[in-house]
Amino acid sequence: MFAKGPSGGVIREDNAGFGQVKEYVVRTMRIGKSAIEASVVGIGAWAIGGDSMWGASDDAESIRTLHRARDLGITLVDTAPAYGLGHSEEVVGKALAGRRSDFILSTKCGLRWDIEEGGFMMERDGVRLVRNTRPQRLVEEIEMSLRRLQTDYIDIYIVHWQELPEFPCPIDETMACLTKLKEQGKIRAIGASNLSDDQFMQYVQAGQLDLIQEKFSMLDRAAADRLLGMCDRHGVTFQAYSPLERGVLTGKITSPEQVTMGRARSSLAWFKPENLPKIADLSAKWAPLCAKYGCSMTQLVIGWTAAQGNGHNVNVLCGARKLHQIEDNAGGGDVVLDMADMAAMRRDVEALG
């Protein structure tokens, strides 16, 4: 049974155990210059890896969440080998088994824990992580990801982190390898993440770059301020990761004790006790906007993020490993804000410093 929802979706009485659930019309977009059409809001599988960054995950719940994302209109799922040292890819592979064509699948390369060769990045969970995007290593790495993901192709293959000075990996050589993988049908589009301006230009000069993935939220705007214009000029999709600042911008967290912190959250200044009241104040101030658009604060923030730049080349990647999280996130793809409201929200967050 269906009824009209306040922001363009419909309310559905669900007989599958979800109760009354809002169904959203999640907008879609073209990824770069590729032929890939994906949902404006994607589901990020970082936390699904279940390592010390986020704390333990329930794999069965993660799989149900991925399936629910697709039911709600989210087609894009993003993972990486480094998330849980292969575990996130394995869980995503199980979720997509038998319904691979229903999803746009993104994973990454260039961050290894199974080899010594590379630029040292960090030690985590008893292993040493290194950056290595040299062609011979990428050829090895994609085969491991394909096996874990139980597929024979990846829609968007993203270079996770760029070279470090002590271990050079020329971008033109990396792109030549990725282009060959594309010609072989193992990947459909090439992406890169965590870039400097110069690295961005090296990628677009070396081949067809369709997407960059950068940390961007209304509280951390530096990457978008640098790169959105460049993306527009070169036909590259800007994908924002951590747009909800690891949950703090949902407006639901008022003290650190409410959540499993893990390394991902404990390192973030906004989770400090002195900063959480500032977010609570924002939530209260934006309550009339949530009422106006018939949305939650989570959805309001996602809608604001998707509208940045020229309003058509920003993709928003939101992590989720529980059903209630994906139910909330999905609605962000249905929220279209007035220009005046977006500008007022930006002024509010800029005032936080």
Protein backbone atom coordinates (compact mmCIF):
# COMPACT_ATOMS: atom_id res chain seq x y z
CA MET A 1 0.00 0.00 0.00
CA PHE A 2 1.38 3.43 -0.93
CA ALA A 3 0.77 7.04 0.11
CA LYS A 4 2.48 10.32 -0.79
CA GLY A 5 5.55 11.23 1.24
CA PRO A 6 6.45 14.85 2.10
CA SER A 7 9.57 15.13 -0.08
CA GLY A 8 8.50 13.40 -3.25
CA GLY A 9 8.74 9.77 -2.20
CA VAL A 10 5.97 7.46 -1.13
CA ILE A 11 5.18 5.70 2.13
CA ARG A 12 4.91 1.95 1.75
CA GLU A 13 3.41 -0.55 4.17
CA ASP A 14 6.00 -3.31 3.98
CA ASN A 15 4.96 -6.91 4.55
CA ALA A 16 8.59 -8.09 4.67
CA GLY A 17 9.14 -6.98 8.23
CA PHE A 18 10.31 -3.39 7.77
CA GLY A 19 7.01 -1.80 8.87
CA GLN A 20 6.13 1.57 7.36
CA VAL A 21 9.02 2.50 5.08
CA LYS A 22 9.43 5.50 2.85
CA GLU A 23 10.36 4.70 -0.74
CA TYR A 24 12.50 7.41 -2.33
CA VAL A 25 13.11 8.37 -5.91
CA VAL A 26 16.90 8.34 -5.71
CA ARG A 27 18.23 10.42 -8.58
CA THR A 28 20.83 8.98 -10.92
CA MET A 29 23.81 10.49 -12.71
CA ARG A 30 26.37 9.65 -15.36
CA ILE A 31 29.84 8.85 -14.04
CA GLY A 32 32.36 11.05 -15.84
CA LYS A 33 32.48 10.42 -19.58
CA SER A 34 31.74 6.72 -19.16
CA ALA A 35 28.50 4.94 -20.03
CA ILE A 36 27.88 4.19 -16.35
CA GLU A 37 24.66 5.52 -14.81
CA ALA A 38 24.66 5.33 -11.01
CA SER A 39 22.61 6.58 -8.09
CA VAL A 40 23.57 10.04 -6.80
CA VAL A 41 23.88 8.50 -3.33
CA GLY A 42 26.11 5.45 -2.96
CA ILE A 43 26.67 3.07 -0.08
CA GLY A 44 30.20 2.94 1.30
CA ALA A 45 31.42 -0.38 2.71
CA TRP A 46 34.37 0.85 4.79
CA ALA A 47 32.76 0.00 8.14
CA ILE A 48 31.55 -3.34 6.78
CA GLY A 49 35.20 -4.44 6.87
CA GLY A 50 34.86 -4.68 10.64
CA ASP A 51 38.45 -3.88 11.62
CA SER A 52 39.78 -1.58 14.36
CA MET A 53 38.82 1.48 12.32
CA TRP A 54 35.12 0.87 13.02
CA GLY A 55 34.80 -2.11 15.33
CA ALA A 56 33.23 -5.49 14.69
CA SER A 57 30.48 -5.88 12.09
CA ASP A 58 27.62 -8.32 11.74
CA ASP A 59 28.15 -9.71 8.24
CA ALA A 60 24.57 -10.94 7.87
CA GLU A 61 23.27 -7.50 8.82
CA SER A 62 25.72 -5.89 6.37
CA ILE A 63 24.42 -8.09 3.56
CA ARG A 64 20.81 -7.25 4.41
CA THR A 65 21.79 -3.56 4.39
CA LEU A 66 23.35 -3.84 0.93
CA HIS A 67 20.26 -5.58 -0.40
CA ARG A 68 18.03 -2.96 1.20
CA ALA A 69 20.08 -0.21 -0.40
CA ARG A 70 19.27 -1.61 -3.82
CA ASP A 71 15.59 -1.97 -2.95
CA LEU A 72 15.56 1.73 -2.06
CA GLY A 73 17.13 2.76 -5.38
CA ILE A 74 20.81 2.96 -4.41
CA THR A 75 22.74 1.19 -7.15
CA LEU A 76 26.32 2.24 -6.33
CA VAL A 77 28.31 0.26 -3.74
CA ASP A 78 31.91 1.18 -2.95
CA THR A 79 34.48 -0.97 -1.18
CA ALA A 80 38.25 -1.50 -1.08
CA PRO A 81 40.71 -4.31 -0.33
CA ALA A 82 42.11 -2.41 2.66
CA TYR A 83 38.72 -2.29 4.40
CA GLY A 84 39.09 -5.11 6.89
CA LEU A 85 42.06 -6.49 4.93
CA GLY A 86 39.85 -8.03 2.25
CA HIS A 87 36.83 -8.71 4.47
CA SER A 88 34.68 -5.87 3.14
CA GLU A 89 35.17 -7.08 -0.44
CA GLU A 90 34.26 -10.62 0.62
CA VAL A 91 31.02 -9.47 2.29
CA VAL A 92 30.11 -7.30 -0.70
CA GLY A 93 30.82 -10.25 -2.99
CA LYS A 94 28.41 -12.43 -1.02
CA ALA A 95 25.75 -9.70 -1.12
CA LEU A 96 26.06 -9.26 -4.89
CA ALA A 97 26.18 -12.98 -5.73
CA GLY A 98 23.35 -13.80 -8.11
CA ARG A 99 22.42 -10.13 -8.59
CA ARG A 100 25.66 -8.57 -9.81
CA SER A 101 23.95 -6.71 -12.66
CA ASP A 102 21.72 -4.87 -10.15
CA PHE A 103 24.70 -2.89 -8.82
CA ILE A 104 27.39 -0.49 -9.92
CA LEU A 105 30.43 -1.87 -8.13
CA SER A 106 33.41 0.24 -7.18
CA THR A 107 36.59 -0.96 -5.49
CA LYS A 108 40.14 0.28 -5.18
CA CYS A 109 43.78 -0.58 -5.66
CA GLY A 110 47.24 0.52 -4.63
CA LEU A 111 47.13 -0.12 -0.88
CA ARG A 112 48.66 -3.47 0.12
CA TRP A 113 49.31 -5.38 3.32
CA ASP A 114 50.46 -8.64 1.70
CA ILE A 115 53.75 -7.35 0.26
CA GLU A 116 56.76 -5.46 1.66
CA GLU A 117 57.43 -3.40 -1.47
CA GLY A 118 55.93 0.09 -1.36
CA GLY A 119 55.81 3.42 0.44
CA PHE A 120 54.98 2.93 4.12
CA MET A 121 51.56 4.32 5.06
CA MET A 122 50.66 2.91 8.50
CA GLU A 123 50.54 -0.10 10.78
CA ARG A 124 47.09 -1.36 11.63
CA ASP A 125 45.74 -4.53 13.21
CA GLY A 126 49.16 -6.12 13.24
CA VAL A 127 50.00 -5.50 9.60
CA ARG A 128 52.05 -2.97 7.66
CA LEU A 129 50.16 -1.11 4.93
CA VAL A 130 52.11 0.22 1.94
CA ARG A 131 51.21 2.24 -1.15
CA ASN A 132 52.16 0.62 -4.43
CA THR A 133 50.48 1.49 -7.75
CA ARG A 134 53.13 0.07 -10.05
CA PRO A 135 51.63 -1.84 -12.99
CA GLN A 136 52.87 -5.30 -12.07
CA ARG A 137 51.27 -4.98 -8.65
CA LEU A 138 47.96 -3.68 -10.01
CA VAL A 139 47.73 -6.69 -12.32
CA GLU A 140 48.08 -8.94 -9.26
CA GLU A 141 45.72 -6.91 -7.13
CA ILE A 142 42.75 -6.81 -9.47
CA GLU A 143 42.68 -10.60 -9.69
CA MET A 144 42.50 -10.85 -5.90
CA SER A 145 39.67 -8.33 -5.77
CA LEU A 146 37.75 -10.10 -8.52
CA ARG A 147 37.96 -13.35 -6.56
CA ARG A 148 36.83 -11.79 -3.30
CA LEU A 149 34.00 -9.94 -5.04
CA GLN A 150 32.89 -13.06 -6.97
CA THR A 151 32.73 -11.19 -10.27
CA ASP A 152 34.64 -10.93 -13.53
CA TYR A 153 34.48 -7.14 -13.85
CA ILE A 154 34.54 -4.00 -11.73
CA ASP A 155 32.56 -0.96 -12.83
CA ILE A 156 34.78 1.74 -11.28
CA TYR A 157 38.37 0.93 -10.28
CA ILE A 158 39.91 3.62 -8.07
CA VAL A 159 43.54 4.22 -7.14
CA HIS A 160 43.07 4.46 -3.37
CA TRP A 161 46.13 6.49 -2.33
CA GLN A 162 48.85 8.09 -4.40
CA GLU A 163 52.59 7.46 -4.39
CA LEU A 164 54.89 8.49 -1.55
CA PRO A 165 58.24 10.18 -2.27
CA GLU A 166 60.27 7.19 -1.10
CA PHE A 167 58.49 4.86 -3.55
CA PRO A 168 57.72 6.56 -6.89
CA CYS A 169 54.89 5.22 -9.04
CA PRO A 170 54.54 7.42 -12.15
CA ILE A 171 50.90 8.19 -12.85
CA ASP A 172 51.27 7.75 -16.59
CA GLU A 173 52.45 4.16 -16.02
CA THR A 174 49.59 3.51 -13.59
CA MET A 175 47.07 4.88 -16.09
CA ALA A 176 48.53 2.83 -18.93
CA CYS A 177 47.99 -0.31 -16.86
CA LEU A 178 44.45 0.67 -15.87
CA THR A 179 43.59 1.52 -19.46
CA LYS A 180 44.77 -1.94 -20.52
CA LEU A 181 42.58 -3.53 -17.84
CA LYS A 182 39.70 -1.50 -19.23
CA GLU A 183 40.42 -2.73 -22.75
CA GLN A 184 40.41 -6.29 -21.38
CA GLY A 185 36.94 -5.75 -19.94
CA LYS A 186 38.02 -6.17 -16.33
CA ILE A 187 37.05 -2.60 -15.43
CA ARG A 188 34.63 -0.11 -17.01
CA ALA A 189 35.88 3.21 -15.65
CA ILE A 190 38.98 4.58 -13.92
CA GLY A 191 38.99 6.62 -10.73
CA ALA A 192 41.55 8.07 -8.33
CA SER A 193 41.36 9.20 -4.72
CA ASN A 194 43.13 11.53 -2.31
CA LEU A 195 44.73 13.70 -4.98
CA SER A 196 46.73 16.89 -5.20
CA ASP A 197 45.88 19.32 -8.00
CA ASP A 198 49.00 18.26 -9.89
CA GLN A 199 48.15 14.58 -9.57
CA PHE A 200 44.64 15.26 -10.90
CA MET A 201 46.12 16.90 -14.00
CA GLN A 202 48.57 14.05 -14.51
CA TYR A 203 45.69 11.56 -14.51
CA VAL A 204 43.53 13.45 -17.02
CA GLN A 205 46.53 14.01 -19.30
CA ALA A 206 47.41 10.29 -19.21
CA GLY A 207 43.99 8.86 -20.08
CA GLN A 208 40.27 8.94 -19.35
CA LEU A 209 39.69 9.66 -15.68
CA ASP A 210 35.98 9.39 -14.88
CA LEU A 211 35.81 9.86 -11.11
CA ILE A 212 37.77 11.19 -8.17
CA GLN A 213 36.90 10.25 -4.61
CA GLU A 214 37.79 12.84 -1.96
CA LYS A 215 36.94 13.50 1.66
CA PHE A 216 34.36 16.27 1.63
CA SER A 217 31.70 17.40 4.03
CA MET A 218 30.19 20.74 4.93
CA LEU A 219 32.61 20.71 7.90
CA ASP A 220 35.65 19.88 5.73
CA ARG A 221 35.31 21.69 2.41
CA ALA A 222 38.93 22.01 1.27
CA ALA A 223 39.00 19.22 -1.33
CA ALA A 224 35.86 20.39 -3.10
CA ASP A 225 37.00 24.00 -3.08
CA ARG A 226 40.20 22.87 -4.84
CA LEU A 227 38.89 20.27 -7.24
CA LEU A 228 35.23 20.83 -8.15
CA GLY A 229 36.06 23.36 -10.86
CA MET A 230 38.73 21.09 -12.32
CA CYS A 231 36.28 18.20 -12.38
CA ASP A 232 33.73 20.31 -14.23
CA ARG A 233 36.25 21.41 -16.85
CA HIS A 234 37.48 17.87 -17.51
CA GLY A 235 34.20 15.95 -17.27
CA VAL A 236 35.14 14.07 -14.09
CA THR A 237 32.65 13.11 -11.38
CA PHE A 238 33.52 14.33 -7.88
CA GLN A 239 32.58 11.67 -5.33
CA ALA A 240 32.43 12.88 -1.73
CA TYR A 241 33.36 10.41 0.98
CA SER A 242 32.60 10.95 4.69
CA PRO A 243 29.94 13.61 3.91
CA LEU A 244 28.30 12.89 7.28
CA GLU A 245 31.66 13.15 9.09
CA ARG A 246 31.46 9.51 10.18
CA GLY A 247 28.00 10.02 11.64
CA VAL A 248 28.40 13.26 13.54
CA LEU A 249 26.31 15.19 10.99
CA THR A 250 23.32 12.90 11.39
CA GLY A 251 22.39 15.01 14.42
CA LYS A 252 21.84 11.82 16.43
CA ILE A 253 25.11 11.77 18.35
CA THR A 254 25.27 14.05 21.37
CA SER A 255 28.04 12.28 23.31
CA PRO A 256 30.93 9.98 22.30
CA GLU A 257 29.52 7.24 24.54
CA GLN A 258 26.56 6.80 22.19
CA VAL A 259 28.60 5.15 19.45
CA THR A 260 31.36 2.62 18.88
CA MET A 261 34.20 5.02 18.30
CA GLY A 262 36.93 2.90 16.71
CA ARG A 263 40.00 4.56 15.23
CA ALA A 264 37.93 6.21 12.48
CA ARG A 265 35.85 8.28 14.88
CA SER A 266 38.25 8.72 17.79
CA SER A 267 40.67 10.58 15.52
CA LEU A 268 38.02 13.08 14.40
CA ALA A 269 37.92 16.40 16.26
CA TRP A 270 34.14 16.76 15.88
CA PHE A 271 33.59 13.79 18.21
CA LYS A 272 35.32 15.58 21.09
CA PRO A 273 32.90 16.45 23.92
CA GLU A 274 33.45 20.17 23.46
CA ASN A 275 32.48 20.04 19.77
CA LEU A 276 29.38 17.82 19.83
CA PRO A 277 27.18 20.60 21.34
CA LYS A 278 27.99 22.73 18.27
CA ILE A 279 26.50 20.04 16.05
CA ALA A 280 23.47 19.75 18.33
CA ASP A 281 22.94 23.49 17.93
CA LEU A 282 23.10 23.10 14.13
CA SER A 283 20.53 20.34 14.29
CA ALA A 284 18.18 22.54 16.29
CA LYS A 285 18.71 25.49 13.97
CA TRP A 286 17.97 23.36 10.90
CA ALA A 287 14.85 21.74 12.32
CA PRO A 288 12.62 24.15 10.31
CA LEU A 289 14.47 23.17 7.13
CA CYS A 290 13.93 19.49 7.89
CA ALA A 291 10.23 20.24 8.35
CA LYS A 292 10.14 22.25 5.11
CA TYR A 293 11.65 19.44 3.05
CA GLY A 294 10.12 16.55 5.00
CA CYS A 295 13.50 15.04 5.74
CA SER A 296 15.90 14.14 8.53
CA MET A 297 19.10 16.05 9.23
CA THR A 298 21.03 13.22 7.58
CA GLN A 299 19.01 13.67 4.41
CA LEU A 300 19.30 17.44 4.53
CA VAL A 301 23.10 17.20 4.72
CA ILE A 302 23.26 14.66 1.88
CA GLY A 303 21.02 16.86 -0.27
CA TRP A 304 23.27 19.87 0.40
CA THR A 305 26.39 17.88 -0.47
CA ALA A 306 24.97 16.55 -3.74
CA ALA A 307 24.07 20.08 -4.84
CA GLN A 308 27.60 21.46 -4.59
CA GLY A 309 29.58 22.55 -7.63
CA ASN A 310 27.44 22.82 -10.70
CA GLY A 311 24.81 20.54 -9.22
CA HIS A 312 25.26 17.66 -11.66
CA ASN A 313 28.70 16.11 -11.15
CA VAL A 314 28.78 15.39 -7.40
CA ASN A 315 28.21 11.86 -6.13
CA VAL A 316 27.71 11.32 -2.39
CA LEU A 317 29.11 8.20 -0.73
CA CYS A 318 27.61 7.40 2.68
CA GLY A 319 28.71 4.52 4.85
CA ALA A 320 26.11 2.11 6.22
CA ARG A 321 26.10 -1.36 7.72
CA LYS A 322 22.71 -1.35 9.43
CA LEU A 323 19.21 -1.17 8.01
CA HIS A 324 18.20 2.02 9.81
CA GLN A 325 21.30 3.78 8.45
CA ILE A 326 20.58 2.96 4.81
CA GLU A 327 16.89 3.79 5.23
CA ASP A 328 17.93 7.26 6.37
CA ASN A 329 20.73 7.78 3.84
CA ALA A 330 18.59 6.82 0.86
CA GLY A 331 16.31 9.78 1.42
CA GLY A 332 19.16 12.18 0.73
CA GLY A 333 18.95 11.28 -2.94
CA ASP A 334 15.40 12.61 -2.98
CA VAL A 335 16.07 16.03 -1.42
CA VAL A 336 16.49 19.08 -3.66
CA LEU A 337 17.18 22.30 -1.75
CA ASP A 338 16.51 25.91 -2.65
CA MET A 339 19.60 27.97 -3.40
CA ALA A 340 18.84 30.36 -0.55
CA ASP A 341 18.62 27.50 1.94
CA MET A 342 21.89 25.99 0.72
CA ALA A 343 23.65 29.34 1.10
CA ALA A 344 22.25 29.81 4.61
CA MET A 345 23.45 26.32 5.62
CA ARG A 346 26.92 27.09 4.33
CA ARG A 347 27.02 30.29 6.37
CA ASP A 348 25.97 28.36 9.45
CA VAL A 349 28.78 25.80 9.12
CA GLU A 350 31.36 28.43 8.22
CA ALA A 351 30.47 30.22 11.46
CA LEU A 352 31.58 27.12 13.38
CA GLY A 353 35.15 27.77 12.28
